[in-house]
N, C-alpha and C. Protein backbone atom coordinates (compact mmCIF):
# COMPACT_ATOMS: atom_id res chain seq x y z
N UNK A 1 0.67 -0.92 0.09
CA UNK A 1 -0.03 0.21 0.40
C UNK A 1 0.74 1.34 -0.29
N UNK A 2 0.50 1.82 -0.71
CA UNK A 2 1.54 3.16 -0.81
C UNK A 2 1.41 4.42 0.41
N UNK A 3 2.38 4.84 0.96
CA UNK A 3 2.04 5.68 1.91
C UNK A 3 2.03 6.65 1.81
N UNK A 4 0.91 6.83 2.80
CA UNK A 4 -0.41 8.26 3.13
C UNK A 4 0.78 9.85 1.94
N UNK A 5 2.13 9.87 3.38
CA UNK A 5 2.19 10.94 2.60
C UNK A 5 2.56 10.85 1.32
N UNK A 6 2.98 10.91 0.72
CA UNK A 6 3.80 10.16 -0.72
C UNK A 6 2.53 10.49 -2.03
N UNK A 7 1.36 10.68 -1.04
CA UNK A 7 0.21 10.42 -1.97
C UNK A 7 -0.59 12.54 -1.91
N UNK A 8 -0.35 12.94 -0.51
CA UNK A 8 -0.20 14.09 -0.48
C UNK A 8 -0.08 15.22 -1.56
N UNK A 9 1.41 15.13 -2.75
CA UNK A 9 1.73 15.56 -3.24
C UNK A 9 0.63 15.80 -4.04
N UNK A 10 0.17 15.10 -4.95
CA UNK A 10 -0.79 15.13 -5.60
C UNK A 10 -2.31 15.35 -5.25
N UNK A 11 -2.41 15.94 -3.81
CA UNK A 11 -3.73 17.06 -4.10
C UNK A 11 -3.72 17.97 -4.10
N UNK A 12 -5.16 18.49 -4.81
CA UNK A 12 -5.42 19.69 -5.33
C UNK A 12 -6.79 20.47 -4.75
N UNK A 13 -7.47 19.28 -4.35
CA UNK A 13 -8.93 19.79 -3.73
C UNK A 13 -8.74 19.63 -2.42
N UNK A 14 -9.34 20.33 -1.38
CA UNK A 14 -10.08 19.46 -0.43
C UNK A 14 -11.46 20.12 -0.30
N UNK A 15 -12.57 18.84 0.59
CA UNK A 15 -13.47 18.85 0.92
C UNK A 15 -13.84 17.98 2.28
N UNK A 16 -13.86 18.99 3.06
CA UNK A 16 -14.62 18.38 4.48
C UNK A 16 -16.01 18.75 4.56
N UNK A 17 -16.31 17.88 5.51
CA UNK A 17 -17.25 18.14 6.65
C UNK A 17 -17.58 19.32 7.44
N UNK A 18 -18.81 20.01 8.05
CA UNK A 18 -19.04 21.26 8.53
C UNK A 18 -19.05 20.52 9.77
N UNK A 19 -20.04 20.16 10.50
CA UNK A 19 -20.00 20.11 12.15
C UNK A 19 -19.28 18.38 11.74
N UNK A 20 -18.37 18.52 13.14
CA UNK A 20 -17.77 17.46 13.61
C UNK A 20 -16.48 17.66 12.56
N UNK A 21 -16.66 18.45 12.26
CA UNK A 21 -14.77 18.43 11.64
C UNK A 21 -14.10 19.95 10.99
N UNK A 22 -15.01 20.80 11.42
CA UNK A 22 -14.88 22.20 11.63
C UNK A 22 -15.13 23.29 12.08
N UNK A 23 -15.50 21.80 13.32
CA UNK A 23 -16.35 22.22 14.54
C UNK A 23 -16.37 21.12 15.75
N UNK A 24 -16.54 21.35 16.93
CA UNK A 24 -16.45 20.10 17.85
C UNK A 24 -17.38 19.55 18.23
N UNK A 25 -18.50 19.27 16.63
CA UNK A 25 -19.83 18.56 17.46
C UNK A 25 -20.67 19.40 17.96
N UNK A 26 -20.68 20.17 18.57
CA UNK A 26 -21.60 21.05 19.51
C UNK A 26 -22.66 21.81 18.34
N UNK A 27 -23.76 22.53 19.11
CA UNK A 27 -24.43 23.22 18.35
C UNK A 27 -25.48 23.88 19.36
N UNK A 28 -25.17 25.38 19.86
CA UNK A 28 -25.30 26.11 20.72
C UNK A 28 -26.99 26.57 20.33
N UNK A 29 -27.72 26.45 20.85
CA UNK A 29 -29.21 26.43 19.80
C UNK A 29 -30.11 27.66 21.05
N UNK A 30 -30.01 29.09 20.59
CA UNK A 30 -30.91 29.73 21.34
C UNK A 30 -32.59 29.42 21.42
N UNK A 31 -33.17 30.96 22.65
CA UNK A 31 -34.75 29.98 22.26
C UNK A 31 -35.00 30.74 21.10
N UNK A 32 -34.63 31.72 20.65
CA UNK A 32 -35.35 31.39 18.87
C UNK A 32 -35.23 30.95 17.89
N UNK A 33 -34.50 29.26 17.85
CA UNK A 33 -34.20 28.14 17.32
C UNK A 33 -32.22 28.66 16.60
N UNK A 34 -32.33 29.33 16.90
CA UNK A 34 -31.07 29.81 15.99
C UNK A 34 -30.18 29.05 16.40
N UNK A 35 -28.94 28.28 15.86
CA UNK A 35 -27.72 27.97 16.04
C UNK A 35 -26.23 28.20 15.56
N UNK A 36 -26.08 27.61 16.30
CA UNK A 36 -24.84 27.94 16.38
C UNK A 36 -23.87 27.28 17.05
N UNK A 37 -22.33 27.91 16.35
CA UNK A 37 -21.71 26.62 15.58
C UNK A 37 -19.93 27.73 16.33
N UNK A 38 -19.18 26.49 17.11
CA UNK A 38 -17.66 27.84 17.25
C UNK A 38 -16.83 26.95 16.54
N UNK A 39 -15.85 27.43 15.40
CA UNK A 39 -14.74 26.85 14.50
C UNK A 39 -13.19 27.55 15.09
N UNK A 40 -12.26 27.06 14.68
CA UNK A 40 -10.89 27.06 15.49
C UNK A 40 -10.60 28.05 14.42
N UNK A 41 -10.23 29.37 14.67
CA UNK A 41 -9.51 30.23 14.11
C UNK A 41 -8.18 29.36 13.28
N UNK A 42 -7.37 28.52 13.67
CA UNK A 42 -6.64 28.03 13.17
C UNK A 42 -6.28 26.85 11.92
N UNK A 43 -7.84 26.81 12.13
CA UNK A 43 -8.49 25.87 10.84
C UNK A 43 -8.64 27.33 10.05
N UNK A 44 -9.42 28.13 10.33
CA UNK A 44 -9.71 29.25 9.02
C UNK A 44 -8.68 29.30 8.91
N UNK A 45 -7.36 30.27 9.54
CA UNK A 45 -6.31 29.98 8.58
C UNK A 45 -5.72 29.19 7.48
N UNK A 46 -5.80 27.72 7.69
CA UNK A 46 -4.86 27.02 6.91
C UNK A 46 -6.35 26.63 5.87
N UNK A 47 -7.80 26.97 5.80
CA UNK A 47 -8.26 27.44 4.85
C UNK A 47 -8.36 28.31 3.80
N UNK A 48 -8.15 29.96 4.52
CA UNK A 48 -7.66 30.93 3.62
C UNK A 48 -6.93 30.59 2.86
N UNK A 49 -5.70 30.50 3.26
CA UNK A 49 -4.22 30.04 2.87
C UNK A 49 -4.73 29.06 1.53
N UNK A 50 -4.74 28.07 2.45
CA UNK A 50 -5.20 27.02 0.79
C UNK A 50 -6.12 27.77 -0.25
N UNK A 51 -6.71 28.27 -0.45
CA UNK A 51 -7.93 29.15 -0.97
C UNK A 51 -6.70 30.02 -2.17
N UNK A 52 -5.91 30.53 -1.19
CA UNK A 52 -4.80 31.74 -1.26
C UNK A 52 -3.94 31.07 -2.73
N UNK A 53 -3.45 30.26 -1.79
CA UNK A 53 -2.74 29.04 -3.00
C UNK A 53 -3.35 28.42 -4.28
N UNK A 54 -4.32 28.78 -4.32
CA UNK A 54 -4.73 28.27 -5.66
C UNK A 54 -5.26 26.78 -5.17
N UNK A 55 -5.69 26.12 -4.24
CA UNK A 55 -6.72 24.92 -4.36
C UNK A 55 -8.08 25.44 -3.97
N UNK A 56 -8.41 24.56 -4.66
CA UNK A 56 -9.97 23.77 -4.24
C UNK A 56 -10.21 23.35 -3.36
N UNK A 57 -11.25 24.15 -2.35
CA UNK A 57 -11.65 23.88 -1.11
C UNK A 57 -13.38 24.24 -1.30
N UNK A 58 -13.98 23.00 -0.68
CA UNK A 58 -15.47 22.39 -1.23
C UNK A 58 -15.95 22.09 0.89
N UNK A 59 -17.20 22.42 0.78
CA UNK A 59 -17.68 21.89 2.49
C UNK A 59 -18.83 21.21 1.73
N UNK A 60 -19.09 20.54 2.27
CA UNK A 60 -20.50 19.11 2.01
C UNK A 60 -20.70 19.22 2.92
N UNK A 61 -21.95 19.59 3.52
CA UNK A 61 -22.44 19.92 4.86
C UNK A 61 -24.31 19.16 4.89
N UNK A 62 -24.29 18.09 5.92
CA UNK A 62 -25.68 17.50 6.16
C UNK A 62 -26.47 19.12 7.00
N UNK A 63 -25.67 20.08 7.97
CA UNK A 63 -26.83 20.83 8.14
C UNK A 63 -26.47 21.98 7.38
N UNK A 64 -26.99 23.03 7.20
CA UNK A 64 -27.33 24.43 7.26
C UNK A 64 -27.70 25.23 8.32
N UNK A 65 -27.18 26.97 8.14
CA UNK A 65 -27.28 27.47 8.82
C UNK A 65 -26.48 28.51 8.70
N UNK A 66 -27.00 29.91 8.39
CA UNK A 66 -26.28 31.23 7.90
C UNK A 66 -25.35 31.83 8.67
N UNK A 67 -25.06 31.40 9.69
CA UNK A 67 -23.35 31.01 10.73
C UNK A 67 -22.24 30.63 10.03
N UNK A 68 -22.93 29.61 9.35
CA UNK A 68 -21.80 28.28 8.33
C UNK A 68 -21.34 29.61 7.61
N UNK A 69 -22.95 29.59 6.54
CA UNK A 69 -21.84 30.52 5.45
C UNK A 69 -21.52 31.48 6.08
N UNK A 70 -21.35 32.43 6.57
CA UNK A 70 -20.81 33.64 6.62
C UNK A 70 -19.65 33.10 6.70
N UNK A 71 -19.30 32.21 7.46
CA UNK A 71 -17.67 32.01 8.10
C UNK A 71 -17.49 31.62 6.94
N UNK A 72 -17.85 30.46 6.07
CA UNK A 72 -16.77 30.13 4.64
C UNK A 72 -16.99 30.89 3.83
N UNK A 73 -18.01 31.81 3.69
CA UNK A 73 -17.77 33.13 3.09
C UNK A 73 -16.26 34.46 3.16
N UNK A 74 -16.70 33.71 4.83
CA UNK A 74 -14.82 35.59 5.09
C UNK A 74 -13.62 34.66 4.81
N UNK A 75 -13.87 32.64 4.59
CA UNK A 75 -12.46 32.26 4.43
C UNK A 75 -12.34 32.46 2.72
N UNK A 76 -13.26 33.39 2.50
CA UNK A 76 -13.75 33.23 0.58
C UNK A 76 -13.52 31.61 -0.20
N UNK A 77 -14.03 30.50 0.68
CA UNK A 77 -14.53 28.84 0.56
C UNK A 77 -15.99 29.56 -0.25
N UNK A 78 -15.71 29.59 -1.75
CA UNK A 78 -17.05 29.39 -3.15
C UNK A 78 -18.20 27.98 -2.93
N UNK A 79 -17.19 27.32 -2.71
CA UNK A 79 -18.22 25.35 -3.06
C UNK A 79 -18.55 25.16 -1.60
N UNK A 80 -20.03 25.95 -1.27
CA UNK A 80 -20.53 25.31 -0.21
C UNK A 80 -21.70 24.65 -0.41
N UNK A 81 -22.04 23.59 -0.15
CA UNK A 81 -22.78 22.91 -0.15
C UNK A 81 -23.25 22.22 1.17
N UNK A 82 -24.70 22.95 1.22
CA UNK A 82 -25.39 22.80 2.76
C UNK A 82 -26.93 22.11 2.82
N UNK A 83 -26.61 21.47 3.82
CA UNK A 83 -28.19 21.20 3.87
C UNK A 83 -28.50 19.88 2.78
N UNK A 84 -27.83 18.99 2.91
CA UNK A 84 -27.41 17.87 1.83
C UNK A 84 -27.64 16.98 2.75
N UNK A 85 -28.22 15.72 1.91
CA UNK A 85 -29.26 14.50 1.89
C UNK A 85 -28.49 13.87 1.78
N UNK A 86 -27.91 13.18 0.72
CA UNK A 86 -27.14 12.42 0.01
C UNK A 86 -25.40 13.02 -0.57
N UNK A 87 -24.43 13.11 0.43
CA UNK A 87 -23.57 13.16 0.09
C UNK A 87 -22.63 13.16 -1.30
N UNK A 88 -23.09 11.67 -1.25
CA UNK A 88 -22.33 11.16 -2.41
C UNK A 88 -22.84 11.46 -3.76
N UNK A 89 -23.60 11.94 -3.48
CA UNK A 89 -23.95 12.53 -5.52
C UNK A 89 -23.87 13.61 -5.42
N UNK A 90 -23.61 14.50 -4.01
CA UNK A 90 -23.07 16.12 -4.02
C UNK A 90 -21.74 16.30 -4.19
N UNK A 91 -21.18 14.91 -4.18
CA UNK A 91 -19.58 14.89 -4.07
C UNK A 91 -19.48 14.43 -5.78
N UNK A 92 -19.62 13.57 -6.29
CA UNK A 92 -19.63 13.02 -7.72
C UNK A 92 -19.90 13.65 -8.93
N UNK A 93 -21.26 14.69 -8.24
CA UNK A 93 -21.74 15.72 -9.09
C UNK A 93 -20.55 16.46 -9.09
N UNK A 94 -20.00 17.05 -7.90
CA UNK A 94 -19.03 17.84 -8.06
C UNK A 94 -17.50 17.31 -8.79
N UNK A 95 -16.77 16.16 -8.84
CA UNK A 95 -16.08 15.84 -9.54
C UNK A 95 -16.24 15.97 -11.18
N UNK A 96 -17.58 15.69 -11.43
CA UNK A 96 -17.56 15.79 -12.56
C UNK A 96 -17.83 17.42 -12.97
N UNK A 97 -18.34 18.29 -12.28
CA UNK A 97 -18.55 19.95 -12.81
C UNK A 97 -17.02 19.72 -12.76
N UNK A 98 -16.63 20.09 -12.23
CA UNK A 98 -14.67 20.27 -11.58
C UNK A 98 -13.94 19.41 -12.74
N UNK A 99 -14.52 18.66 -13.76
CA UNK A 99 -13.43 17.76 -14.58
C UNK A 99 -12.54 16.82 -13.01
N UNK A 100 -12.64 16.62 -12.10
CA UNK A 100 -11.21 16.14 -11.23
C UNK A 100 -11.57 14.63 -11.24
N UNK A 101 -10.09 14.29 -10.17
CA UNK A 101 -10.18 12.87 -10.49
C UNK A 101 -9.82 12.78 -8.99
N UNK A 102 -10.38 11.93 -8.47
CA UNK A 102 -10.32 11.15 -7.17
C UNK A 102 -9.14 11.70 -6.13
N UNK A 103 -8.40 11.33 -6.90
CA UNK A 103 -6.70 10.61 -6.54
C UNK A 103 -6.39 11.78 -5.93
N UNK A 104 -6.92 13.71 -6.61
CA UNK A 104 -6.67 14.35 -6.15
C UNK A 104 -7.29 15.12 -5.04
N UNK A 105 -8.10 14.58 -4.68
CA UNK A 105 -8.75 14.97 -3.90
C UNK A 105 -8.90 14.48 -2.22
N UNK A 106 -8.54 15.08 -0.94
CA UNK A 106 -8.40 14.91 0.23
C UNK A 106 -9.61 15.27 0.90
N UNK A 107 -10.61 14.50 1.09
CA UNK A 107 -11.97 14.56 2.42
C UNK A 107 -12.01 14.28 3.09
N UNK A 108 -12.26 14.46 4.40
CA UNK A 108 -12.16 15.00 5.85
C UNK A 108 -14.00 14.86 6.28
N UNK A 109 -14.45 13.45 7.16
CA UNK A 109 -15.29 13.21 7.39
C UNK A 109 -15.24 12.96 8.63
N UNK A 110 -16.57 12.75 9.54
CA UNK A 110 -16.84 12.61 10.98
C UNK A 110 -17.35 11.19 11.11
N UNK A 111 -18.67 11.43 10.90
CA UNK A 111 -19.35 10.14 11.03
C UNK A 111 -20.64 9.68 9.91
N UNK A 112 -21.43 8.64 10.09
CA UNK A 112 -21.64 7.54 9.53
C UNK A 112 -22.00 8.62 7.57
N UNK A 113 -22.81 9.73 7.94
CA UNK A 113 -23.12 10.45 6.41
C UNK A 113 -22.41 10.64 5.52
N UNK A 114 -20.72 10.71 5.93
CA UNK A 114 -19.96 10.72 5.39
C UNK A 114 -18.92 9.28 5.03
N UNK A 115 -19.66 8.59 5.21
CA UNK A 115 -18.83 7.18 4.92
C UNK A 115 -18.83 6.52 3.47
N UNK A 116 -19.49 6.72 2.47
CA UNK A 116 -19.44 6.76 1.16
C UNK A 116 -18.41 7.24 0.85
N UNK A 117 -18.99 8.89 0.97
CA UNK A 117 -17.52 9.13 0.18
C UNK A 117 -16.23 9.13 0.66
N UNK A 118 -15.57 9.34 1.48
CA UNK A 118 -14.70 8.71 2.31
C UNK A 118 -14.02 7.22 1.44
N UNK A 119 -15.24 6.68 0.92
CA UNK A 119 -14.77 5.23 0.00
C UNK A 119 -14.12 5.62 -1.37
N UNK A 120 -14.74 6.77 -1.58
CA UNK A 120 -14.79 7.23 -3.02
C UNK A 120 -14.01 8.45 -3.23
N UNK A 121 -12.85 9.06 -2.02
CA UNK A 121 -12.00 9.87 -2.04
C UNK A 121 -10.58 9.26 -2.24
N UNK A 122 -9.39 10.52 -3.13
CA UNK A 122 -8.56 9.68 -3.10
C UNK A 122 -8.16 9.58 -1.80
N UNK A 123 -7.96 10.78 -1.20
CA UNK A 123 -7.32 10.40 0.52
C UNK A 123 -8.61 10.35 1.52
N UNK A 124 -8.84 9.73 2.68
CA UNK A 124 -10.20 9.85 3.15
C UNK A 124 -9.20 10.41 4.81
N UNK A 125 -9.85 11.14 5.37
CA UNK A 125 -9.31 12.03 6.41
C UNK A 125 -10.55 12.07 7.49
N UNK A 126 -9.49 11.57 8.66
CA UNK A 126 -10.73 12.26 9.90
C UNK A 126 -9.89 12.51 11.34
N UNK A 127 -11.60 13.61 11.99
CA UNK A 127 -11.12 14.01 13.04
C UNK A 127 -10.04 12.90 14.06
N UNK A 128 -9.87 13.13 15.14
CA UNK A 128 -9.20 12.11 16.44
C UNK A 128 -10.32 11.44 16.38
N UNK A 129 -11.53 12.14 16.91
CA UNK A 129 -13.27 11.81 17.67
C UNK A 129 -13.91 11.63 16.68
N UNK A 130 -13.26 10.72 15.55
CA UNK A 130 -14.58 10.29 14.80
C UNK A 130 -15.56 9.05 15.01
N UNK A 131 -16.22 8.72 14.36
CA UNK A 131 -17.15 7.59 15.12
C UNK A 131 -16.32 6.62 14.11
N UNK A 132 -16.64 5.58 14.91
CA UNK A 132 -15.51 4.42 14.84
C UNK A 132 -15.26 3.51 13.00
N UNK A 133 -16.60 3.96 12.40
CA UNK A 133 -17.07 3.06 11.42
C UNK A 133 -15.68 4.32 10.19
N UNK A 134 -15.92 5.72 10.67
CA UNK A 134 -15.44 6.28 9.33
C UNK A 134 -13.61 6.54 9.57
N UNK A 135 -13.21 6.03 11.15
CA UNK A 135 -11.47 5.67 11.43
C UNK A 135 -12.13 4.67 10.91
N UNK A 136 -12.19 3.51 10.49
CA UNK A 136 -11.99 2.38 10.18
C UNK A 136 -11.63 2.84 8.24
N UNK A 137 -12.03 2.89 8.26
CA UNK A 137 -12.07 3.62 6.92
C UNK A 137 -11.20 5.06 6.01
N UNK A 138 -10.93 5.43 7.41
CA UNK A 138 -9.42 6.44 6.34
C UNK A 138 -8.24 6.26 6.65
N UNK A 139 -7.32 6.80 5.63
CA UNK A 139 -6.78 6.51 5.80
C UNK A 139 -5.61 7.24 6.11
N UNK A 140 -6.10 8.64 7.27
CA UNK A 140 -4.59 8.98 8.00
C UNK A 140 -6.44 10.16 9.19
N UNK A 141 -5.66 8.93 10.44
CA UNK A 141 -6.72 10.09 11.22
C UNK A 141 -5.68 11.01 12.16
N UNK A 142 -5.84 12.31 12.41
CA UNK A 142 -5.61 13.42 12.59
C UNK A 142 -5.20 13.12 13.96
N UNK A 143 -4.18 13.77 14.59
CA UNK A 143 -4.35 13.65 16.41
C UNK A 143 -4.87 14.48 17.10
N UNK A 144 -5.60 15.72 16.09
CA UNK A 144 -6.70 16.86 16.43
C UNK A 144 -7.93 16.47 16.45
N UNK A 145 -8.65 16.84 17.29
CA UNK A 145 -9.92 15.98 17.59
C UNK A 145 -10.80 17.29 16.45
N UNK A 146 -11.92 16.66 16.22
CA UNK A 146 -12.95 17.79 15.00
C UNK A 146 -13.14 19.41 16.05
N UNK A 147 -12.74 20.69 14.93
CA UNK A 147 -12.70 21.53 15.65
C UNK A 147 -11.91 22.15 16.14
N UNK A 148 -11.19 21.87 16.33
CA UNK A 148 -9.71 21.63 17.48
C UNK A 148 -7.99 22.00 16.74
N UNK A 149 -8.79 21.67 14.89
CA UNK A 149 -7.36 22.46 14.08
C UNK A 149 -6.63 20.80 13.32
N UNK A 150 -7.90 20.01 13.45
CA UNK A 150 -8.10 18.67 12.51
C UNK A 150 -7.48 19.02 11.13
N UNK A 151 -7.95 20.05 10.72
CA UNK A 151 -8.30 20.60 9.19
C UNK A 151 -6.97 21.82 9.07
N UNK A 152 -6.61 22.12 9.83
CA UNK A 152 -5.07 22.73 9.84
C UNK A 152 -4.32 21.99 9.84
N UNK A 153 -3.99 20.47 10.70
CA UNK A 153 -3.40 19.60 10.26
C UNK A 153 -3.07 18.67 8.89
N UNK A 154 -4.42 18.30 8.59
CA UNK A 154 -4.13 17.74 6.62
C UNK A 154 -4.04 19.03 5.89
N UNK A 155 -4.80 20.47 5.45
CA UNK A 155 -4.02 21.96 4.97
C UNK A 155 -2.59 21.38 5.47
N UNK A 156 -1.71 22.04 6.36
CA UNK A 156 -0.93 22.14 6.48
C UNK A 156 0.13 20.57 6.04
N UNK A 157 0.16 19.45 6.27
CA UNK A 157 0.54 18.60 5.77
C UNK A 157 0.73 18.36 4.31
N UNK A 158 -0.27 19.25 3.63
CA UNK A 158 -0.07 19.14 2.13
C UNK A 158 0.46 20.30 1.29
N UNK A 159 0.23 21.56 2.02
CA UNK A 159 1.41 22.46 2.05
C UNK A 159 2.38 22.09 2.03
N UNK A 160 2.88 21.93 3.40
CA UNK A 160 4.53 21.27 3.01
C UNK A 160 5.21 20.41 2.84
N UNK A 161 4.13 19.05 1.72
CA UNK A 161 4.51 18.49 0.86
C UNK A 161 5.13 18.78 -0.35
N UNK A 162 3.88 19.97 -0.27
CA UNK A 162 4.11 20.74 -2.04
C UNK A 162 4.81 21.79 -2.14
N UNK A 163 5.78 22.34 -0.84
CA UNK A 163 6.75 23.41 -0.91
C UNK A 163 5.56 24.68 -0.95
N UNK A 164 4.45 24.59 -0.25
CA UNK A 164 3.63 26.18 -0.24
C UNK A 164 3.07 27.02 1.38
N UNK A 165 4.06 26.25 2.19
CA UNK A 165 3.44 25.83 2.96
C UNK A 165 4.76 27.40 3.64
N UNK A 166 4.19 28.91 4.47
CA UNK A 166 5.60 29.59 5.17
C UNK A 166 6.70 29.35 4.02
N UNK A 167 6.06 29.81 2.38
CA UNK A 167 6.94 29.98 1.44
C UNK A 167 7.19 31.64 1.42
N UNK A 168 7.36 32.65 2.21
CA UNK A 168 7.49 33.88 2.13
C UNK A 168 6.67 34.10 1.31
N UNK A 169 5.27 33.94 0.72
CA UNK A 169 3.86 35.25 0.29
C UNK A 169 3.59 35.84 0.75
N UNK A 170 3.97 36.88 0.59
CA UNK A 170 3.58 38.02 1.68
C UNK A 170 4.02 38.34 3.06
N UNK A 171 4.54 37.75 3.09
CA UNK A 171 5.36 37.21 4.15
C UNK A 171 6.38 38.14 4.55
N UNK A 172 7.21 39.26 5.46
CA UNK A 172 8.49 39.97 5.55
C UNK A 172 9.06 39.46 6.21
N UNK A 173 10.34 38.83 5.96
CA UNK A 173 11.50 38.32 7.28
C UNK A 173 12.08 39.47 7.90
């Protein structure tokens, strides 16, 4: 079996679930029914950097809330699929629409609705606290939990392998 790290050199696209990956899975529900989620700024930094470096970044989630849309747009993520009932259908359509090869896609999911996509993505990854079934099919399990830096972990690995991390773009030393 090919080494996980060697596969990272081919990644051009990141696709993430939202709840349990970009968040710790907690949802705060207010009296008016509005649901809020907490995301990690280090994950956010890595996401916006990946976009700036020309990587394709998408989010496919069964959940849908205004706060999710605002956060993703603030990070310059344009490919946002929320309220999705069948993630595999959306994933496969996204591949067709963008003429992508599965081996160029790193997907991170954390629970059963992500299972079928995990089987189709070039590199299936998950947070440390993902469901047992997801950990069983993941090529890489982050040491970080959902919402606690797991997204930063995988993006940083790819950008480092490809020479796009701390490459002085926009930095003054």
